[in-house]
Amino acid sequence: MTKYVCIVCGYIYDPEVGDADSGIKPGTAFEDIPDDWVCPMCGVGKDQFEKE
């Protein structure tokens, strides 16, 4: 699975890990995360992420 990096703060979304604090289970592809999800580090939207 492809990792995505926040272009604002550098946070890396790893699909194998997910984002437990936001209810995103491990194994969830970035494309399958709800559109209203935000970066857990800086709060920007999914549109501020790029493939690593």
N, C-alpha and C. Protein backbone atom coordinates (compact mmCIF):
# COMPACT_ATOMS: atom_id res chain seq x y z
N MET A 1 0.83 -1.19 0.00
CA MET A 1 0.00 0.00 0.00
C MET A 1 0.88 1.26 0.00
N THR A 2 0.40 2.27 -0.68
CA THR A 2 1.14 3.51 -0.83
C THR A 2 0.97 4.40 0.39
N LYS A 3 2.07 4.97 0.86
CA LYS A 3 2.04 5.93 1.95
C LYS A 3 1.83 7.32 1.36
N TYR A 4 1.23 8.20 2.14
CA TYR A 4 1.00 9.59 1.73
C TYR A 4 1.59 10.51 2.77
N VAL A 5 2.17 11.62 2.30
CA VAL A 5 2.82 12.57 3.20
C VAL A 5 2.10 13.92 3.13
N CYS A 6 1.92 14.52 4.29
CA CYS A 6 1.31 15.85 4.38
C CYS A 6 2.36 16.87 3.93
N ILE A 7 2.01 17.68 2.92
CA ILE A 7 2.97 18.64 2.39
C ILE A 7 3.14 19.85 3.32
N VAL A 8 2.27 19.98 4.31
CA VAL A 8 2.37 21.10 5.25
C VAL A 8 3.31 20.77 6.41
N CYS A 9 3.13 19.59 7.04
CA CYS A 9 3.91 19.29 8.24
C CYS A 9 4.80 18.06 8.15
N GLY A 10 4.63 17.26 7.09
CA GLY A 10 5.48 16.09 6.93
C GLY A 10 4.94 14.81 7.53
N TYR A 11 3.74 14.85 8.14
CA TYR A 11 3.13 13.64 8.69
C TYR A 11 2.96 12.62 7.57
N ILE A 12 3.27 11.36 7.87
CA ILE A 12 3.13 10.30 6.88
C ILE A 12 1.98 9.39 7.28
N TYR A 13 0.98 9.29 6.38
CA TYR A 13 -0.10 8.33 6.60
C TYR A 13 0.34 6.99 6.03
N ASP A 14 0.43 6.01 6.91
CA ASP A 14 0.82 4.65 6.53
C ASP A 14 -0.43 3.77 6.62
N PRO A 15 -0.92 3.27 5.48
CA PRO A 15 -2.13 2.46 5.48
C PRO A 15 -2.03 1.21 6.35
N GLU A 16 -0.83 0.69 6.52
CA GLU A 16 -0.66 -0.50 7.35
C GLU A 16 -0.89 -0.19 8.82
N VAL A 17 -0.73 1.08 9.21
CA VAL A 17 -0.91 1.50 10.60
C VAL A 17 -2.28 2.13 10.81
N GLY A 18 -2.76 2.89 9.81
CA GLY A 18 -4.02 3.61 9.96
C GLY A 18 -3.85 4.83 10.83
N ASP A 19 -4.95 5.30 11.41
CA ASP A 19 -4.95 6.45 12.32
C ASP A 19 -5.97 6.16 13.40
N ALA A 20 -5.54 5.41 14.41
CA ALA A 20 -6.44 4.94 15.46
C ALA A 20 -7.17 6.09 16.16
N ASP A 21 -6.49 7.21 16.36
CA ASP A 21 -7.10 8.34 17.06
C ASP A 21 -8.29 8.92 16.29
N SER A 22 -8.30 8.71 14.97
CA SER A 22 -9.41 9.20 14.14
C SER A 22 -10.35 8.08 13.70
N GLY A 23 -10.14 6.89 14.24
CA GLY A 23 -11.01 5.77 13.91
C GLY A 23 -10.70 5.10 12.57
N ILE A 24 -9.51 5.35 12.03
CA ILE A 24 -9.11 4.74 10.77
C ILE A 24 -8.33 3.46 11.09
N LYS A 25 -8.90 2.31 10.72
CA LYS A 25 -8.31 1.03 11.08
C LYS A 25 -7.09 0.72 10.22
N PRO A 26 -6.14 -0.05 10.79
CA PRO A 26 -4.99 -0.51 9.99
C PRO A 26 -5.49 -1.24 8.75
N GLY A 27 -4.80 -1.04 7.63
CA GLY A 27 -5.19 -1.67 6.38
C GLY A 27 -6.10 -0.81 5.52
N THR A 28 -6.41 0.42 5.99
CA THR A 28 -7.28 1.32 5.24
C THR A 28 -6.45 2.14 4.25
N ALA A 29 -6.73 1.97 2.96
CA ALA A 29 -6.03 2.73 1.92
C ALA A 29 -6.39 4.21 2.06
N PHE A 30 -5.46 5.08 1.68
CA PHE A 30 -5.69 6.52 1.77
C PHE A 30 -6.95 6.92 1.02
N GLU A 31 -7.18 6.31 -0.13
CA GLU A 31 -8.35 6.62 -0.95
C GLU A 31 -9.66 6.28 -0.24
N ASP A 32 -9.60 5.35 0.72
CA ASP A 32 -10.80 4.90 1.42
C ASP A 32 -11.08 5.67 2.71
N ILE A 33 -10.19 6.59 3.07
CA ILE A 33 -10.41 7.43 4.26
C ILE A 33 -11.51 8.43 3.92
N PRO A 34 -12.43 8.70 4.85
CA PRO A 34 -13.48 9.70 4.58
C PRO A 34 -12.89 11.05 4.16
N ASP A 35 -13.62 11.75 3.30
CA ASP A 35 -13.13 13.04 2.77
C ASP A 35 -12.99 14.11 3.84
N ASP A 36 -13.68 13.95 4.97
CA ASP A 36 -13.58 14.95 6.03
C ASP A 36 -12.45 14.68 7.02
N TRP A 37 -11.67 13.63 6.77
CA TRP A 37 -10.51 13.33 7.62
C TRP A 37 -9.48 14.44 7.48
N VAL A 38 -8.79 14.76 8.57
CA VAL A 38 -7.75 15.78 8.54
C VAL A 38 -6.45 15.21 9.12
N CYS A 39 -5.36 15.84 8.75
CA CYS A 39 -4.05 15.44 9.26
C CYS A 39 -4.06 15.51 10.79
N PRO A 40 -3.67 14.42 11.45
CA PRO A 40 -3.69 14.43 12.92
C PRO A 40 -2.63 15.34 13.54
N MET A 41 -1.67 15.78 12.76
CA MET A 41 -0.62 16.65 13.29
C MET A 41 -0.93 18.14 13.12
N CYS A 42 -1.45 18.51 11.92
CA CYS A 42 -1.63 19.94 11.68
C CYS A 42 -3.05 20.34 11.26
N GLY A 43 -3.91 19.36 10.99
CA GLY A 43 -5.31 19.66 10.76
C GLY A 43 -5.72 20.01 9.33
N VAL A 44 -4.80 19.88 8.36
CA VAL A 44 -5.18 20.17 6.97
C VAL A 44 -5.92 18.97 6.38
N GLY A 45 -6.64 19.21 5.29
CA GLY A 45 -7.43 18.18 4.65
C GLY A 45 -6.61 17.23 3.78
N LYS A 46 -7.30 16.20 3.28
CA LYS A 46 -6.67 15.19 2.44
C LYS A 46 -6.04 15.78 1.17
N ASP A 47 -6.54 16.91 0.73
CA ASP A 47 -6.02 17.51 -0.50
C ASP A 47 -4.60 18.06 -0.33
N GLN A 48 -4.10 18.08 0.91
CA GLN A 48 -2.74 18.56 1.17
C GLN A 48 -1.76 17.41 1.32
N PHE A 49 -2.14 16.21 0.88
CA PHE A 49 -1.29 15.04 0.94
C PHE A 49 -0.85 14.62 -0.46
N GLU A 50 0.37 14.12 -0.55
CA GLU A 50 0.90 13.62 -1.81
C GLU A 50 1.46 12.22 -1.58
N LYS A 51 1.48 11.41 -2.65
CA LYS A 51 2.08 10.09 -2.55
C LYS A 51 3.54 10.24 -2.16
N GLU A 52 3.98 9.35 -1.28
CA GLU A 52 5.37 9.40 -0.84
C GLU A 52 6.25 8.76 -1.89
